[in-house]
Protein backbone atom coordinates (compact mmCIF):
# COMPACT_ATOMS: atom_id res chain seq x y z
CA UNK A 1 48.49 115.18 6.11
CA UNK A 2 47.35 116.91 2.89
CA UNK A 3 50.59 117.92 1.13
CA UNK A 4 52.51 114.67 0.68
CA UNK A 5 53.59 113.86 -2.88
CA UNK A 6 51.82 111.07 -4.82
CA UNK A 7 54.39 108.31 -5.25
CA UNK A 8 53.94 107.97 -9.04
CA UNK A 9 55.32 110.88 -10.53
CA UNK A 10 55.02 117.48 2.30
CA UNK A 11 53.36 116.96 5.35
CA UNK A 12 53.05 113.51 6.91
CA UNK A 13 52.46 112.02 10.32
CA UNK A 14 55.79 110.69 11.54
CA UNK A 15 55.95 107.10 12.68
CA UNK A 16 58.73 105.10 14.23
CA UNK A 17 61.74 104.34 12.03
CA UNK A 18 60.76 101.28 10.06
CA UNK A 19 62.80 98.10 10.13
CA UNK A 20 62.82 96.40 6.76
CA UNK A 21 63.79 93.24 4.94
CA UNK A 22 63.56 91.70 1.51
CA UNK A 23 62.88 88.13 0.51
CA UNK A 24 64.47 86.09 -2.26
CA UNK A 25 61.62 83.59 -2.52
CA UNK A 26 60.77 82.98 -6.20
CA UNK A 27 58.28 80.15 -6.54
CA UNK A 28 56.89 79.18 -9.93
CA UNK A 29 53.44 80.58 -10.64
CA UNK A 30 50.80 77.98 -9.91
CA UNK A 31 47.40 77.62 -11.57
CA UNK A 32 45.27 76.59 -8.62
CA UNK A 33 44.08 79.58 -6.54
CA UNK A 34 45.26 79.74 -2.92
CA UNK A 35 42.81 81.55 -0.65
CA UNK A 36 43.18 83.26 2.74
CA UNK A 37 39.71 84.03 4.07
CA UNK A 38 38.66 87.55 5.12
CA UNK A 39 37.89 88.45 8.74
CA UNK A 40 35.06 90.80 9.70
CA UNK A 41 35.65 93.60 12.24
CA UNK A 42 34.78 92.82 15.85
CA UNK A 43 34.82 96.37 17.24
CA UNK A 44 32.52 99.22 16.28
CA UNK A 45 34.15 102.10 14.46
CA UNK A 46 32.65 105.51 13.83
CA UNK A 47 32.69 106.01 10.08
CA UNK A 48 33.27 109.28 8.26
CA UNK A 49 33.93 107.58 4.94
CA UNK A 50 32.06 108.43 1.73
CA UNK A 51 29.40 106.09 0.33
CA UNK A 52 30.74 102.88 -1.23
CA UNK A 53 34.10 103.25 0.52
CA UNK A 54 35.84 100.20 2.01
CA UNK A 55 36.67 100.70 5.69
CA UNK A 56 39.75 98.41 5.54
CA UNK A 57 41.34 100.43 2.70
CA UNK A 58 43.54 103.31 3.78
CA UNK A 59 46.08 105.94 2.88
CA UNK A 60 49.79 105.26 3.42
CA UNK A 61 52.20 108.08 4.31
CA UNK A 62 55.99 107.71 4.31
CA UNK A 63 59.34 109.37 3.64
CA UNK A 64 61.53 108.48 0.66
CA UNK A 65 65.31 108.07 0.47
CA UNK A 66 65.41 111.63 -0.90
CA UNK A 67 63.88 113.00 2.32
CA UNK A 68 60.58 113.99 0.71
CA UNK A 69 57.22 112.74 1.96
CA UNK A 70 54.99 110.61 -0.25
CA UNK A 71 51.62 108.83 -0.27
CA UNK A 72 50.30 105.51 -1.52
CA UNK A 73 47.27 103.33 -0.84
CA UNK A 74 46.94 99.97 0.90
CA UNK A 75 44.54 97.58 2.60
CA UNK A 76 44.43 95.68 5.88
CA UNK A 77 44.70 91.92 5.31
CA UNK A 78 43.98 88.95 7.53
CA UNK A 79 46.91 88.33 9.87
CA UNK A 80 47.89 86.99 13.27
CA UNK A 81 48.75 90.46 14.55
CA UNK A 82 45.74 92.15 12.99
CA UNK A 83 48.04 94.96 11.83
CA UNK A 84 49.29 93.85 8.39
CA UNK A 85 48.82 95.93 5.22
CA UNK A 86 49.23 94.86 1.58
CA UNK A 87 50.60 97.51 -0.80
CA UNK A 88 52.97 97.92 -3.76
CA UNK A 89 56.69 97.21 -3.64
CA UNK A 90 57.55 100.70 -4.87
CA UNK A 91 55.64 102.11 -1.88
CA UNK A 92 58.16 100.55 0.52
CA UNK A 93 61.39 100.55 -1.53
CA UNK A 94 62.61 102.89 -4.26
CA UNK A 95 64.22 100.43 -6.66
CA UNK A 96 68.03 100.57 -6.69
CA UNK A 97 68.01 103.48 -4.20
CA UNK A 98 66.75 102.38 -0.79
CA UNK A 99 63.98 101.86 1.72
CA UNK A 100 61.13 104.19 2.41
CA UNK A 101 60.72 104.91 6.12
CA UNK A 102 58.41 106.39 8.76
CA UNK A 103 55.32 104.57 7.49
CA UNK A 104 52.01 105.79 8.86
CA UNK A 105 48.75 104.13 7.76
CA UNK A 106 45.28 105.59 8.21
CA UNK A 107 42.46 103.13 7.48
CA UNK A 108 39.28 104.68 6.11
CA UNK A 109 41.08 108.00 5.64
CA UNK A 110 38.71 110.84 4.73
CA UNK A 111 39.45 114.56 4.54
CA UNK A 112 42.57 114.53 6.68
CA UNK A 113 41.66 112.00 9.34
CA UNK A 114 40.47 108.47 10.10
CA UNK A 115 37.90 107.21 12.61
CA UNK A 116 40.65 105.81 14.86
CA UNK A 117 43.69 107.77 13.73
CA UNK A 118 46.68 105.95 12.29
CA UNK A 119 49.22 103.22 12.96
CA UNK A 120 53.03 103.50 12.94
CA UNK A 121 55.04 101.15 10.72
CA UNK A 122 57.20 98.34 12.06
CA UNK A 123 58.57 96.02 9.32
CA UNK A 124 58.24 96.36 5.54
CA UNK A 125 58.80 93.37 3.24
CA UNK A 126 59.24 93.21 -0.53
CA UNK A 127 61.21 91.23 -3.13
CA UNK A 128 64.89 91.55 -4.00
CA UNK A 129 63.72 91.28 -7.63
CA UNK A 130 61.97 94.61 -7.13
CA UNK A 131 64.58 96.26 -4.91
CA UNK A 132 67.61 95.32 -7.03
CA UNK A 133 66.19 94.95 -10.55
CA UNK A 134 62.98 97.04 -10.59
CA UNK A 135 61.10 93.96 -11.78
CA UNK A 136 57.47 95.09 -11.96
CA UNK A 137 56.21 91.52 -11.78
CA UNK A 138 57.42 91.66 -8.16
CA UNK A 139 56.02 95.09 -7.31
CA UNK A 140 54.25 93.87 -4.17
CA UNK A 141 54.87 94.39 -0.46
CA UNK A 142 53.51 93.93 3.04
CA UNK A 143 53.98 96.23 6.03
CA UNK A 144 53.39 95.23 9.64
CA UNK A 145 52.42 97.99 12.05
CA UNK A 146 52.88 98.51 15.76
CA UNK A 147 49.82 98.02 17.99
CA UNK A 148 47.60 101.04 18.42
CA UNK A 149 47.75 103.00 21.68
CA UNK A 150 44.19 101.85 22.36
CA UNK A 151 45.37 98.23 22.15
CA UNK A 152 42.90 97.34 19.40
CA UNK A 153 44.16 96.18 16.02
CA UNK A 154 43.24 97.50 12.59
CA UNK A 155 41.67 94.12 11.86
CA UNK A 156 39.40 94.41 14.91
CA UNK A 157 38.23 97.88 13.91
CA UNK A 158 38.06 97.59 10.14
CA UNK A 159 38.28 93.88 9.28
CA UNK A 160 41.02 91.98 7.48
CA UNK A 161 40.68 91.38 3.75
CA UNK A 162 41.08 87.91 2.34
CA UNK A 163 43.78 87.15 -0.21
CA UNK A 164 43.57 85.14 -3.42
CA UNK A 165 46.81 83.97 -5.01
CA UNK A 166 46.99 82.76 -8.63
CA UNK A 167 43.72 84.53 -9.37
CA UNK A 168 44.43 84.92 -13.09
CA UNK A 169 44.77 87.85 -15.48
CA UNK A 170 41.28 87.92 -17.04
CA UNK A 171 38.41 88.47 -14.61
CA UNK A 172 34.99 90.10 -14.46
CA UNK A 173 33.49 91.95 -11.51
CA UNK A 174 36.79 93.44 -10.34
CA UNK A 175 36.81 96.54 -8.12
CA UNK A 176 39.94 98.66 -7.56
CA UNK A 177 40.16 101.09 -4.63
CA UNK A 178 42.69 103.81 -3.93
CA UNK A 179 43.49 107.37 -2.92
CA UNK A 180 44.54 109.15 -6.13
CA UNK A 181 46.28 112.40 -5.24
CA UNK A 182 47.70 113.72 -8.52
CA UNK A 183 45.56 116.02 -10.69
CA UNK A 184 42.64 116.07 -11.07
CA UNK A 185 42.29 114.29 -7.72
CA UNK A 186 43.18 115.62 -4.27
CA UNK A 187 43.84 112.46 -2.24
CA UNK A 188 41.29 113.27 0.46
CA UNK A 189 38.79 110.47 -0.18
CA UNK A 190 38.65 106.95 -1.59
CA UNK A 191 37.83 106.35 -5.22
CA UNK A 192 37.10 103.11 -7.01
CA UNK A 193 36.80 101.63 -10.48
CA UNK A 194 34.78 98.54 -11.40
CA UNK A 195 34.91 96.40 -14.51
CA UNK A 196 36.69 93.53 -16.14
CA UNK A 197 40.41 92.97 -16.54
CA UNK A 198 42.34 91.79 -19.57
CA UNK A 199 45.65 90.04 -20.04
CA UNK A 200 48.55 92.17 -21.27
CA UNK A 201 50.02 90.17 -24.16
CA UNK A 202 53.30 88.33 -23.62
CA UNK A 203 53.50 89.33 -19.94
CA UNK A 204 52.20 88.16 -16.57
CA UNK A 205 50.30 91.46 -16.21
CA UNK A 206 46.64 92.37 -16.19
CA UNK A 207 45.04 95.76 -16.70
CA UNK A 208 41.70 97.50 -16.31
CA UNK A 209 40.36 100.82 -17.52
CA UNK A 210 40.57 103.29 -14.63
CA UNK A 211 41.51 107.01 -14.45
CA UNK A 212 43.00 106.98 -10.93
CA UNK A 213 46.35 108.78 -10.73
CA UNK A 214 49.45 108.86 -8.52
CA UNK A 215 48.70 108.05 -4.90
CA UNK A 216 46.51 105.08 -5.85
CA UNK A 217 49.57 102.79 -6.04
CA UNK A 218 49.25 99.84 -3.69
CA UNK A 219 45.47 100.01 -3.67
CA UNK A 220 43.66 96.66 -3.63
CA UNK A 221 42.16 94.87 -6.63
CA UNK A 222 39.14 92.95 -5.36
CA UNK A 223 38.01 89.76 -7.05
CA UNK A 224 34.87 90.03 -4.92
CA UNK A 225 33.46 92.20 -2.13
CA UNK A 226 31.97 90.67 1.00
CA UNK A 227 30.52 93.94 2.32
CA UNK A 228 31.70 97.52 2.90
CA UNK A 229 34.46 96.30 5.22
CA UNK A 230 36.31 93.49 3.45
CA UNK A 231 36.58 91.39 0.31
CA UNK A 232 38.96 89.10 -1.55
CA UNK A 233 42.11 90.87 -2.82
CA UNK A 234 44.04 89.27 -5.66
CA UNK A 235 46.39 92.11 -6.69
CA UNK A 236 47.52 95.66 -5.83
CA UNK A 237 47.95 98.62 -8.17
CA UNK A 238 51.44 98.82 -9.65
CA UNK A 239 51.32 101.52 -12.32
CA UNK A 240 49.18 103.17 -14.97
CA UNK A 241 49.14 104.08 -18.63
CA UNK A 242 46.96 104.96 -21.61
CA UNK A 243 45.93 102.96 -24.66
CA UNK A 244 46.26 104.18 -28.25
CA UNK A 245 42.95 106.04 -27.89
CA UNK A 246 44.15 107.90 -24.79
CA UNK A 247 41.96 105.92 -22.39
CA UNK A 248 43.69 105.53 -19.00
CA UNK A 249 44.16 102.16 -17.32
CA UNK A 250 45.84 100.65 -14.27
CA UNK A 251 48.15 97.66 -14.52
CA UNK A 252 49.48 95.02 -12.14
CA UNK A 253 50.77 91.47 -11.86
CA UNK A 254 48.25 89.36 -9.88
CA UNK A 255 49.57 87.92 -6.63
CA UNK A 256 51.08 84.47 -7.19
CA UNK A 257 52.89 81.80 -5.21
CA UNK A 258 55.83 84.11 -4.55
CA UNK A 259 53.53 86.74 -2.98
CA UNK A 260 51.93 83.97 -0.93
CA UNK A 261 55.38 83.12 0.43
CA UNK A 262 56.03 86.81 1.12
CA UNK A 263 52.71 87.04 2.97
CA UNK A 264 53.55 84.02 5.11
CA UNK A 265 56.93 85.55 5.93
CA UNK A 266 55.30 88.84 6.96
CA UNK A 267 52.42 87.20 8.85
CA UNK A 268 54.27 86.60 12.11
């Protein structure tokens, strides 16, 4: 599982063919935060993760419409099934081209493995605004996964992160996690950036200084951390860039009412 291509710019565990659907829900952005509370793990899991890693964050493997294998990042979120992952829209659908497939998610991935292996993808959900128009304000997705062979969910092992919708574009104390795999990174362990975000003028986007590269797409932006298992996610990494001084940053649109509707649709 070391040679898959970072999605930004191939070996991968093969899962079941993934069924997929888009949603056309487009609610107006609200101003009052909507919160889904996190859930702590209930089962013990042997950890091989590096210090300061989040056990509910993992590496996502999949195949693209071109037949190549790619990687992104994602995080387990609170759900009825216990097997729901939040990631970026471009990690499940290549805009104007087609669905990714054969999703395989490894929570707490470290150096080629995870403490309880991985989960095969079932249904991926994103927005038609992303799929048809490559609208980066709708670059969000959820993937549900089949139950593990052991019969224990990701949420039971690793916890389910909470979700905050309408969390705003300017925040302090934000932590971003991901598995950057493009140079100078190798994609074998989690990395994180901490700091404050700023509004990108005349857009609905927010950004934060962070040098993580391709492969970190879909990684969670935490408004707060509960412990080393879960926290409160309010966005996922969409893309990156550099300012006029050459300082790298990551950029995203915080989850809003439309992502809340997408979550409710996926949380079955």
